[in-house]
Amino acid sequence: MDTLPVLLIVDGANVVGSVPDAWWRDRRGAAERLRDGLVGVAAEGIDGWPGPLEVVLVVEGAARGVGPVPGVGVVSAHGSGDDLIVDTVQAAAGRTCVVVTADRELRRRAEAHGARCVGPRAVRPPDGTWSS
């Protein structure tokens, strides 16, 4: 029996890009808003996986260097964020792991290693934005 909390890995670039809120003007700020919005997800869970969850936000590019907050870890990809997500899924072998992304290829790769996948709506607040 899995005694560790569910590991929720969030594809930061993909999830941020799912909300047309001018995120492209400030990618780092958008990643920070997402990170802050995930605090509630960590505590409460998502549909099918009640909290608390261990949440890891994977960031890349201009969002690298965003720090963690209580309840949400942040990992900066120095190469491909997708590759880092797959590596994280592989490292979590034997543990319930859920990847949040709309990227079909990433979903296929993560599921090949035993992860479950959900779309960005699973973590999006009811108003659809990650306001700070």
Protein backbone atom coordinates (compact mmCIF):
# COMPACT_ATOMS: atom_id res chain seq x y z
CA MET A 1 0.00 0.00 0.00
CA ASP A 2 1.26 3.45 -0.95
CA THR A 3 1.79 5.43 2.28
CA LEU A 4 3.25 8.51 0.61
CA PRO A 5 0.91 11.26 -0.57
CA VAL A 6 0.07 11.41 -4.26
CA LEU A 7 2.81 13.19 -6.21
CA LEU A 8 1.26 15.84 -8.45
CA ILE A 9 3.72 17.06 -11.08
CA VAL A 10 2.63 20.25 -12.85
CA ASP A 11 3.91 21.14 -16.33
CA GLY A 12 4.29 24.83 -15.57
CA ALA A 13 4.76 26.12 -19.12
CA ASN A 14 1.81 24.13 -20.43
CA VAL A 15 -0.54 24.99 -17.59
CA VAL A 16 0.38 28.70 -17.59
CA GLY A 17 -0.12 28.73 -21.36
CA SER A 18 -3.64 27.36 -20.98
CA VAL A 19 -4.92 30.69 -19.61
CA PRO A 20 -4.88 33.66 -22.04
CA ASP A 21 -3.99 36.26 -19.39
CA ALA A 22 -0.98 37.83 -21.17
CA TRP A 23 1.38 35.42 -19.38
CA TRP A 24 3.86 35.85 -22.25
CA ARG A 25 4.65 39.38 -21.03
CA ASP A 26 5.94 38.09 -17.68
CA ARG A 27 6.60 34.36 -17.75
CA ARG A 28 8.24 34.34 -14.34
CA GLY A 29 5.35 36.25 -12.76
CA ALA A 30 2.87 33.87 -14.39
CA ALA A 31 4.76 30.87 -12.98
CA GLU A 32 4.75 32.48 -9.52
CA ARG A 33 0.98 33.05 -9.72
CA LEU A 34 0.49 29.42 -10.71
CA ARG A 35 2.78 28.25 -7.89
CA ASP A 36 0.83 30.32 -5.37
CA GLY A 37 -2.46 28.98 -6.72
CA LEU A 38 -1.24 25.42 -6.27
CA VAL A 39 -0.95 25.83 -2.49
CA GLY A 40 -4.68 25.18 -2.13
CA VAL A 41 -4.45 22.22 -4.51
CA ALA A 42 -1.71 20.71 -2.35
CA ALA A 43 -3.91 20.97 0.73
CA GLU A 44 -7.27 20.04 -0.77
CA GLY A 45 -6.37 17.75 -3.67
CA ILE A 46 -8.03 17.42 -7.05
CA ASP A 47 -10.93 15.38 -8.36
CA GLY A 48 -10.07 11.74 -7.75
CA TRP A 49 -7.12 12.44 -5.44
CA PRO A 50 -7.97 14.11 -2.13
CA GLY A 51 -5.34 16.14 -0.32
CA PRO A 52 -2.91 16.55 1.00
CA LEU A 53 -0.83 16.06 -2.14
CA GLU A 54 2.87 16.54 -2.72
CA VAL A 55 2.97 19.15 -5.49
CA VAL A 56 5.98 19.78 -7.71
CA LEU A 57 5.85 22.56 -10.28
CA VAL A 58 8.31 22.12 -13.16
CA VAL A 59 9.41 25.41 -14.74
CA GLU A 60 11.68 26.15 -17.66
CA GLY A 61 13.00 29.02 -19.74
CA ALA A 62 12.28 32.51 -18.39
CA ALA A 63 10.46 30.99 -15.39
CA ARG A 64 13.58 29.19 -14.13
CA GLY A 65 14.59 30.27 -10.67
CA VAL A 66 11.06 30.59 -9.28
CA GLY A 67 11.36 29.42 -5.70
CA PRO A 68 9.18 27.03 -3.72
CA VAL A 69 6.55 28.02 -1.16
CA PRO A 70 5.18 25.93 1.70
CA GLY A 71 3.19 23.12 0.10
CA VAL A 72 4.56 23.52 -3.43
CA GLY A 73 8.03 22.48 -4.55
CA VAL A 74 9.52 24.00 -7.68
CA VAL A 75 12.09 22.37 -9.95
CA SER A 76 13.81 24.32 -12.73
CA ALA A 77 14.54 22.38 -15.90
CA HIS A 78 17.90 23.28 -17.39
CA GLY A 79 16.93 21.49 -20.59
CA SER A 80 13.55 20.14 -21.59
CA GLY A 81 10.82 20.51 -18.97
CA ASP A 82 9.08 17.50 -20.49
CA ASP A 83 12.18 15.35 -20.03
CA LEU A 84 12.47 16.46 -16.41
CA ILE A 85 8.82 15.58 -15.81
CA VAL A 86 9.30 12.10 -17.28
CA ASP A 87 12.47 11.64 -15.20
CA THR A 88 10.52 12.66 -12.08
CA VAL A 89 7.79 10.15 -12.89
CA GLN A 90 10.40 7.42 -13.35
CA ALA A 91 12.06 8.32 -10.03
CA ALA A 92 8.66 8.00 -8.32
CA ALA A 93 8.20 4.41 -9.50
CA GLY A 94 5.78 2.53 -7.26
CA ARG A 95 4.16 5.73 -6.04
CA THR A 96 0.90 7.26 -7.21
CA CYS A 97 1.94 10.01 -9.59
CA VAL A 98 -0.31 12.43 -11.50
CA VAL A 99 0.97 14.76 -14.21
CA VAL A 100 -0.92 17.95 -15.04
CA THR A 101 -0.52 18.84 -18.71
CA ALA A 102 -2.43 19.15 -21.96
CA ASP A 103 0.64 18.11 -23.99
CA ARG A 104 -0.35 14.85 -25.70
CA GLU A 105 3.20 13.62 -26.24
CA LEU A 106 4.16 14.31 -22.62
CA ARG A 107 1.01 12.53 -21.46
CA ARG A 108 1.93 9.50 -23.58
CA ARG A 109 5.47 9.43 -22.21
CA ALA A 110 4.39 9.88 -18.57
CA GLU A 111 1.66 7.24 -18.83
CA ALA A 112 4.21 4.80 -20.29
CA HIS A 113 5.97 5.02 -16.90
CA GLY A 114 2.81 4.51 -14.85
CA ALA A 115 1.66 8.09 -14.25
CA ARG A 116 -1.92 9.22 -14.52
CA CYS A 117 -2.49 12.47 -16.40
CA VAL A 118 -5.04 15.25 -16.09
CA GLY A 119 -5.49 18.51 -17.96
CA PRO A 120 -4.86 22.03 -16.66
CA ARG A 121 -8.50 22.45 -15.63
CA ALA A 122 -7.87 19.99 -12.81
CA VAL A 123 -5.85 22.64 -10.97
CA ARG A 124 -7.39 25.83 -12.33
CA PRO A 125 -9.38 27.94 -9.85
CA PRO A 126 -13.12 28.38 -10.50
CA ASP A 127 -12.58 31.85 -12.01
CA GLY A 128 -10.07 30.38 -14.46
CA THR A 129 -7.10 32.54 -13.43
CA TRP A 130 -4.18 32.35 -11.08
CA SER A 131 -4.38 35.81 -9.58
CA SER A 132 -1.85 36.98 -7.04
